[in-house]
Amino acid sequence: MEWISVKDRLPEDNVNVLIKHESDTGPAVAPLIWIAFFNSDFNKWTTYWFDLSKVTHWMPLPEAPKIEKCSQV
């Protein structure tokens, strides 16, 4: 999967995606990566805790890993 610029395209409304967020306090040592969703009704990115204003890129969440069943001996 590749990162998608928010300038090129936004994800579907209210679908969780990975986002790259710029720090409000200057460049971060590591990129700030969150799980968030875009709401076009309010034209903003949000998590379940707070809104994010400086989202630069996003990508779909990867599929969950397949879990093998453990056999009892």
PDB file of N, CA and C in Angstrom:
ATOM      1  N   MET A   1       0.838  -1.185   0.000  1.00  0.00           N
ATOM      2  CA  MET A   1       0.000   0.000   0.000  1.00  0.00           C
ATOM      3  C   MET A   1       0.879   1.243   0.000  1.00  0.00           C
ATOM      4  N   GLU A   2       0.376   2.267  -0.607  1.00  0.00           N
ATOM      5  CA  GLU A   2       1.108   3.533  -0.702  1.00  0.00           C
ATOM      6  C   GLU A   2       0.326   4.635   0.016  1.00  0.00           C
ATOM      7  N   TRP A   3       1.063   5.608   0.544  1.00  0.00           N
ATOM      8  CA  TRP A   3       0.429   6.769   1.157  1.00  0.00           C
ATOM      9  C   TRP A   3      -0.213   7.623   0.075  1.00  0.00           C
ATOM     10  N   ILE A   4      -1.386   8.179   0.362  1.00  0.00           N
ATOM     11  CA  ILE A   4      -2.136   9.027  -0.568  1.00  0.00           C
ATOM     12  C   ILE A   4      -2.185  10.430   0.012  1.00  0.00           C
ATOM     13  N   SER A   5      -1.790  11.424  -0.762  1.00  0.00           N
ATOM     14  CA  SER A   5      -1.837  12.807  -0.312  1.00  0.00           C
ATOM     15  C   SER A   5      -3.294  13.265  -0.197  1.00  0.00           C
ATOM     16  N   VAL A   6      -3.607  14.027   0.856  1.00  0.00           N
ATOM     17  CA  VAL A   6      -4.957  14.565   0.992  1.00  0.00           C
ATOM     18  C   VAL A   6      -5.248  15.591  -0.097  1.00  0.00           C
ATOM     19  N   LYS A   7      -4.199  16.092  -0.755  1.00  0.00           N
ATOM     20  CA  LYS A   7      -4.385  17.012  -1.873  1.00  0.00           C
ATOM     21  C   LYS A   7      -4.893  16.265  -3.109  1.00  0.00           C
ATOM     22  N   ASP A   8      -4.565  14.962  -3.195  1.00  0.00           N
ATOM     23  CA  ASP A   8      -4.974  14.163  -4.354  1.00  0.00           C
ATOM     24  C   ASP A   8      -6.354  13.544  -4.183  1.00  0.00           C
ATOM     25  N   ARG A   9      -6.627  13.046  -2.963  1.00  0.00           N
ATOM     26  CA  ARG A   9      -7.882  12.327  -2.762  1.00  0.00           C
ATOM     27  C   ARG A   9      -8.118  12.131  -1.273  1.00  0.00           C
ATOM     28  N   LEU A  10      -9.396  12.111  -0.866  1.00  0.00           N
ATOM     29  CA  LEU A  10      -9.766  11.826   0.514  1.00  0.00           C
ATOM     30  C   LEU A  10     -10.417  10.447   0.575  1.00  0.00           C
ATOM     31  N   PRO A  11     -10.356   9.797   1.738  1.00  0.00           N
ATOM     32  CA  PRO A  11     -11.002   8.483   1.853  1.00  0.00           C
ATOM     33  C   PRO A  11     -12.518   8.621   1.931  1.00  0.00           C
ATOM     34  N   GLU A  12     -13.207   7.487   1.890  1.00  0.00           N
ATOM     35  CA  GLU A  12     -14.651   7.499   2.083  1.00  0.00           C
ATOM     36  C   GLU A  12     -14.960   8.059   3.469  1.00  0.00           C
ATOM     37  N   ASP A  13     -16.118   8.678   3.610  1.00  0.00           N
ATOM     38  CA  ASP A  13     -16.527   9.248   4.895  1.00  0.00           C
ATOM     39  C   ASP A  13     -16.611   8.192   5.988  1.00  0.00           C
ATOM     40  N   ASN A  14     -16.134   8.565   7.168  1.00  0.00           N
ATOM     41  CA  ASN A  14     -16.301   7.783   8.388  1.00  0.00           C
ATOM     42  C   ASN A  14     -15.756   6.361   8.313  1.00  0.00           C
ATOM     43  N   VAL A  15     -14.690   6.174   7.523  1.00  0.00           N
ATOM     44  CA  VAL A  15     -14.007   4.887   7.430  1.00  0.00           C
ATOM     45  C   VAL A  15     -12.623   5.059   8.038  1.00  0.00           C
ATOM     46  N   ASN A  16     -12.276   4.236   9.014  1.00  0.00           N
ATOM     47  CA  ASN A  16     -10.964   4.339   9.643  1.00  0.00           C
ATOM     48  C   ASN A  16      -9.846   4.071   8.647  1.00  0.00           C
ATOM     49  N   VAL A  17      -8.831   4.917   8.668  1.00  0.00           N
ATOM     50  CA  VAL A  17      -7.643   4.783   7.823  1.00  0.00           C
ATOM     51  C   VAL A  17      -6.426   5.183   8.654  1.00  0.00           C
ATOM     52  N   LEU A  18      -5.231   4.846   8.184  1.00  0.00           N
ATOM     53  CA  LEU A  18      -4.012   5.358   8.786  1.00  0.00           C
ATOM     54  C   LEU A  18      -3.774   6.757   8.246  1.00  0.00           C
ATOM     55  N   ILE A  19      -3.346   7.675   9.104  1.00  0.00           N
ATOM     56  CA  ILE A  19      -3.055   9.034   8.637  1.00  0.00           C
ATOM     57  C   ILE A  19      -1.678   9.457   9.113  1.00  0.00           C
ATOM     58  N   LYS A  20      -1.053  10.340   8.345  1.00  0.00           N
ATOM     59  CA  LYS A  20       0.198  11.006   8.705  1.00  0.00           C
ATOM     60  C   LYS A  20      -0.190  12.422   9.099  1.00  0.00           C
ATOM     61  N   HIS A  21       0.166  12.808  10.332  1.00  0.00           N
ATOM     62  CA  HIS A  21      -0.229  14.095  10.886  1.00  0.00           C
ATOM     63  C   HIS A  21       1.014  14.910  11.224  1.00  0.00           C
ATOM     64  N   GLU A  22       1.027  16.170  10.827  1.00  0.00           N
ATOM     65  CA  GLU A  22       2.135  17.070  11.172  1.00  0.00           C
ATOM     66  C   GLU A  22       1.964  17.560  12.598  1.00  0.00           C
ATOM     67  N   SER A  23       3.053  17.654  13.314  1.00  0.00           N
ATOM     68  CA  SER A  23       3.036  18.120  14.700  1.00  0.00           C
ATOM     69  C   SER A  23       2.732  19.618  14.751  1.00  0.00           C
ATOM     70  N   ASP A  24       1.968  20.034  15.754  1.00  0.00           N
ATOM     71  CA  ASP A  24       1.683  21.460  15.956  1.00  0.00           C
ATOM     72  C   ASP A  24       2.865  22.184  16.585  1.00  0.00           C
ATOM     73  N   THR A  25       3.854  21.429  17.065  1.00  0.00           N
ATOM     74  CA  THR A  25       4.982  22.043  17.769  1.00  0.00           C
ATOM     75  C   THR A  25       6.274  21.943  16.971  1.00  0.00           C
ATOM     76  N   GLY A  26       6.181  21.792  15.668  1.00  0.00           N
ATOM     77  CA  GLY A  26       7.377  21.691  14.839  1.00  0.00           C
ATOM     78  C   GLY A  26       7.596  20.264  14.371  1.00  0.00           C
ATOM     79  N   PRO A  27       8.675  20.031  13.651  1.00  0.00           N
ATOM     80  CA  PRO A  27       8.921  18.701  13.115  1.00  0.00           C
ATOM     81  C   PRO A  27       9.078  17.674  14.240  1.00  0.00           C
ATOM     82  N   ALA A  28       8.421  16.558  14.077  1.00  0.00           N
ATOM     83  CA  ALA A  28       8.525  15.483  15.069  1.00  0.00           C
ATOM     84  C   ALA A  28       9.739  14.631  14.755  1.00  0.00           C
ATOM     85  N   VAL A  29      10.271  13.976  15.770  1.00  0.00           N
ATOM     86  CA  VAL A  29      11.402  13.077  15.566  1.00  0.00           C
ATOM     87  C   VAL A  29      10.972  11.917  14.681  1.00  0.00           C
ATOM     88  N   ALA A  30       9.786  11.402  14.910  1.00  0.00           N
ATOM     89  CA  ALA A  30       9.222  10.333  14.085  1.00  0.00           C
ATOM     90  C   ALA A  30       7.881  10.827  13.543  1.00  0.00           C
ATOM     91  N   PRO A  31       7.461  10.338  12.398  1.00  0.00           N
ATOM     92  CA  PRO A  31       6.158  10.760  11.869  1.00  0.00           C
ATOM     93  C   PRO A  31       5.045  10.407  12.853  1.00  0.00           C
ATOM     94  N   LEU A  32       4.063  11.261  12.951  1.00  0.00           N
ATOM     95  CA  LEU A  32       2.911  10.988  13.797  1.00  0.00           C
ATOM     96  C   LEU A  32       1.885  10.231  12.966  1.00  0.00           C
ATOM     97  N   ILE A  33       1.697   8.965  13.297  1.00  0.00           N
ATOM     98  CA  ILE A  33       0.770   8.106  12.565  1.00  0.00           C
ATOM     99  C   ILE A  33      -0.391   7.778  13.496  1.00  0.00           C
ATOM    100  N   TRP A  34      -1.618   7.964  13.025  1.00  0.00           N
ATOM    101  CA  TRP A  34      -2.816   7.726  13.811  1.00  0.00           C
ATOM    102  C   TRP A  34      -3.797   6.893  13.006  1.00  0.00           C
ATOM    103  N   ILE A  35      -4.771   6.320  13.701  1.00  0.00           N
ATOM    104  CA  ILE A  35      -5.955   5.778  13.041  1.00  0.00           C
ATOM    105  C   ILE A  35      -7.031   6.831  13.233  1.00  0.00           C
ATOM    106  N   ALA A  36      -7.612   7.279  12.138  1.00  0.00           N
ATOM    107  CA  ALA A  36      -8.617   8.340  12.191  1.00  0.00           C
ATOM    108  C   ALA A  36      -9.583   8.158  11.025  1.00  0.00           C
ATOM    109  N   PHE A  37     -10.564   9.044  10.943  1.00  0.00           N
ATOM    110  CA  PHE A  37     -11.485   9.036   9.809  1.00  0.00           C
ATOM    111  C   PHE A  37     -11.808  10.465   9.406  1.00  0.00           C
ATOM    112  N   PHE A  38     -12.223  10.631   8.149  1.00  0.00           N
ATOM    113  CA  PHE A  38     -12.578  11.946   7.614  1.00  0.00           C
ATOM    114  C   PHE A  38     -14.089  12.063   7.596  1.00  0.00           C
ATOM    115  N   ASN A  39     -14.613  13.209   8.019  1.00  0.00           N
ATOM    116  CA  ASN A  39     -16.048  13.473   7.990  1.00  0.00           C
ATOM    117  C   ASN A  39     -16.286  14.673   7.087  1.00  0.00           C
ATOM    118  N   SER A  40     -16.830  14.427   5.899  1.00  0.00           N
ATOM    119  CA  SER A  40     -17.014  15.515   4.933  1.00  0.00           C
ATOM    120  C   SER A  40     -18.129  16.476   5.341  1.00  0.00           C
ATOM    121  N   ASP A  41     -19.071  16.046   6.176  1.00  0.00           N
ATOM    122  CA  ASP A  41     -20.112  16.961   6.640  1.00  0.00           C
ATOM    123  C   ASP A  41     -19.498  18.138   7.410  1.00  0.00           C
ATOM    124  N   PHE A  42     -18.415  17.861   8.143  1.00  0.00           N
ATOM    125  CA  PHE A  42     -17.744  18.898   8.926  1.00  0.00           C
ATOM    126  C   PHE A  42     -16.388  19.279   8.340  1.00  0.00           C
ATOM    127  N   ASN A  43     -16.009  18.623   7.234  1.00  0.00           N
ATOM    128  CA  ASN A  43     -14.741  18.861   6.550  1.00  0.00           C
ATOM    129  C   ASN A  43     -13.553  18.777   7.519  1.00  0.00           C
ATOM    130  N   LYS A  44     -13.512  17.678   8.303  1.00  0.00           N
ATOM    131  CA  LYS A  44     -12.395  17.520   9.227  1.00  0.00           C
ATOM    132  C   LYS A  44     -12.067  16.056   9.478  1.00  0.00           C
ATOM    133  N   TRP A  45     -10.812  15.859   9.887  1.00  0.00           N
ATOM    134  CA  TRP A  45     -10.298  14.560  10.306  1.00  0.00           C
ATOM    135  C   TRP A  45     -10.520  14.426  11.798  1.00  0.00           C
ATOM    136  N   THR A  46     -10.837  13.227  12.258  1.00  0.00           N
ATOM    137  CA  THR A  46     -11.048  13.036  13.690  1.00  0.00           C
ATOM    138  C   THR A  46     -10.694  11.613  14.112  1.00  0.00           C
ATOM    139  N   THR A  47     -10.314  11.469  15.358  1.00  0.00           N
ATOM    140  CA  THR A  47     -10.203  10.163  15.999  1.00  0.00           C
ATOM    141  C   THR A  47     -11.405  10.086  16.922  1.00  0.00           C
ATOM    142  N   TYR A  48     -11.471   9.096  17.729  1.00  0.00           N
ATOM    143  CA  TYR A  48     -12.582   9.028  18.686  1.00  0.00           C
ATOM    144  C   TYR A  48     -12.330   9.928  19.884  1.00  0.00           C
ATOM    145  N   TRP A  49     -11.126  10.539  19.966  1.00  0.00           N
ATOM    146  CA  TRP A  49     -10.788  11.378  21.113  1.00  0.00           C
ATOM    147  C   TRP A  49     -10.684  12.854  20.758  1.00  0.00           C
ATOM    148  N   PHE A  50     -10.156  13.187  19.581  1.00  0.00           N
ATOM    149  CA  PHE A  50      -9.980  14.599  19.244  1.00  0.00           C
ATOM    150  C   PHE A  50      -9.851  14.779  17.736  1.00  0.00           C
ATOM    151  N   ASP A  51      -9.971  16.049  17.312  1.00  0.00           N
ATOM    152  CA  ASP A  51      -9.868  16.404  15.898  1.00  0.00           C
ATOM    153  C   ASP A  51      -8.415  16.678  15.526  1.00  0.00           C
ATOM    154  N   LEU A  52      -8.077  16.423  14.274  1.00  0.00           N
ATOM    155  CA  LEU A  52      -6.724  16.652  13.766  1.00  0.00           C
ATOM    156  C   LEU A  52      -6.795  17.646  12.618  1.00  0.00           C
ATOM    157  N   SER A  53      -5.923  18.649  12.641  1.00  0.00           N
ATOM    158  CA  SER A  53      -6.014  19.705  11.628  1.00  0.00           C
ATOM    159  C   SER A  53      -4.927  19.643  10.562  1.00  0.00           C
ATOM    160  N   LYS A  54      -3.839  18.911  10.791  1.00  0.00           N
ATOM    161  CA  LYS A  54      -2.719  18.954   9.860  1.00  0.00           C
ATOM    162  C   LYS A  54      -2.417  17.582   9.261  1.00  0.00           C
ATOM    163  N   VAL A  55      -3.444  16.923   8.756  1.00  0.00           N
ATOM    164  CA  VAL A  55      -3.265  15.619   8.107  1.00  0.00           C
ATOM    165  C   VAL A  55      -2.712  15.859   6.709  1.00  0.00           C
ATOM    166  N   THR A  56      -1.644  15.153   6.357  1.00  0.00           N
ATOM    167  CA  THR A  56      -1.023  15.327   5.040  1.00  0.00           C
ATOM    168  C   THR A  56      -1.244  14.130   4.112  1.00  0.00           C
ATOM    169  N   HIS A  57      -1.305  12.915   4.683  1.00  0.00           N
ATOM    170  CA  HIS A  57      -1.432  11.701   3.877  1.00  0.00           C
ATOM    171  C   HIS A  57      -2.289  10.674   4.613  1.00  0.00           C
ATOM    172  N   TRP A  58      -2.813   9.710   3.867  1.00  0.00           N
ATOM    173  CA  TRP A  58      -3.589   8.628   4.459  1.00  0.00           C
ATOM    174  C   TRP A  58      -3.404   7.365   3.624  1.00  0.00           C
ATOM    175  N   MET A  59      -3.785   6.227   4.211  1.00  0.00           N
ATOM    176  CA  MET A  59      -3.813   4.960   3.479  1.00  0.00           C
ATOM    177  C   MET A  59      -4.821   4.040   4.160  1.00  0.00           C
ATOM    178  N   PRO A  60      -5.408   3.108   3.394  1.00  0.00           N
ATOM    179  CA  PRO A  60      -6.356   2.171   4.002  1.00  0.00           C
ATOM    180  C   PRO A  60      -5.658   1.317   5.061  1.00  0.00           C
ATOM    181  N   LEU A  61      -6.424   0.881   6.037  1.00  0.00           N
ATOM    182  CA  LEU A  61      -5.883  -0.034   7.038  1.00  0.00           C
ATOM    183  C   LEU A  61      -5.581  -1.374   6.371  1.00  0.00           C
ATOM    184  N   PRO A  62      -4.503  -2.038   6.784  1.00  0.00           N
ATOM    185  CA  PRO A  62      -4.230  -3.364   6.225  1.00  0.00           C
ATOM    186  C   PRO A  62      -5.240  -4.369   6.768  1.00  0.00           C
ATOM    187  N   GLU A  63      -5.338  -5.510   6.100  1.00  0.00           N
ATOM    188  CA  GLU A  63      -6.206  -6.570   6.594  1.00  0.00           C
ATOM    189  C   GLU A  63      -5.638  -7.118   7.891  1.00  0.00           C
ATOM    190  N   ALA A  64      -6.517  -7.558   8.768  1.00  0.00           N
ATOM    191  CA  ALA A  64      -6.081  -8.166  10.025  1.00  0.00           C
ATOM    192  C   ALA A  64      -5.387  -9.495   9.726  1.00  0.00           C
ATOM    193  N   PRO A  65      -4.413  -9.871  10.555  1.00  0.00           N
ATOM    194  CA  PRO A  65      -3.736 -11.146  10.324  1.00  0.00           C
ATOM    195  C   PRO A  65      -4.672 -12.319  10.579  1.00  0.00           C
ATOM    196  N   LYS A  66      -4.410 -13.387   9.879  1.00  0.00           N
ATOM    197  CA  LYS A  66      -5.193 -14.604  10.092  1.00  0.00           C
ATOM    198  C   LYS A  66      -4.596 -15.320  11.296  1.00  0.00           C
ATOM    199  N   ILE A  67      -5.453 -15.755  12.193  1.00  0.00           N
ATOM    200  CA  ILE A  67      -5.023 -16.423  13.409  1.00  0.00           C
ATOM    201  C   ILE A  67      -5.276 -17.919  13.259  1.00  0.00           C
ATOM    202  N   GLU A  68      -4.225 -18.698  13.463  1.00  0.00           N
ATOM    203  CA  GLU A  68      -4.378 -20.148  13.387  1.00  0.00           C
ATOM    204  C   GLU A  68      -4.949 -20.660  14.698  1.00  0.00           C
ATOM    205  N   LYS A  69      -5.819 -21.649  14.580  1.00  0.00           N
ATOM    206  CA  LYS A  69      -6.389 -22.251  15.783  1.00  0.00           C
ATOM    207  C   LYS A  69      -5.342 -23.141  16.433  1.00  0.00           C
ATOM    208  N   CYS A  70      -5.249 -23.086  17.732  1.00  0.00           N
ATOM    209  CA  CYS A  70      -4.320 -23.947  18.471  1.00  0.00           C
ATOM    210  C   CYS A  70      -4.998 -25.282  18.743  1.00  0.00           C
ATOM    211  N   SER A  71      -4.273 -26.350  18.546  1.00  0.00           N
ATOM    212  CA  SER A  71      -4.853 -27.659  18.839  1.00  0.00           C
ATOM    213  C   SER A  71      -4.403 -28.099  20.232  1.00  0.00           C
ATOM    214  N   GLN A  72      -5.316 -28.650  20.969  1.00  0.00           N
ATOM    215  CA  GLN A  72      -5.010 -29.144  22.320  1.00  0.00           C
ATOM    216  C   GLN A  72      -4.489 -30.560  22.196  1.00  0.00           C
ATOM    217  N   VAL A  73      -3.459 -30.885  22.958  1.00  0.00           N
ATOM    218  CA  VAL A  73      -2.886 -32.238  22.906  1.00  0.00           C
ATOM    219  C   VAL A  73      -3.399 -33.060  24.049  1.00  0.00           C
TER     220      VAL A  73
END
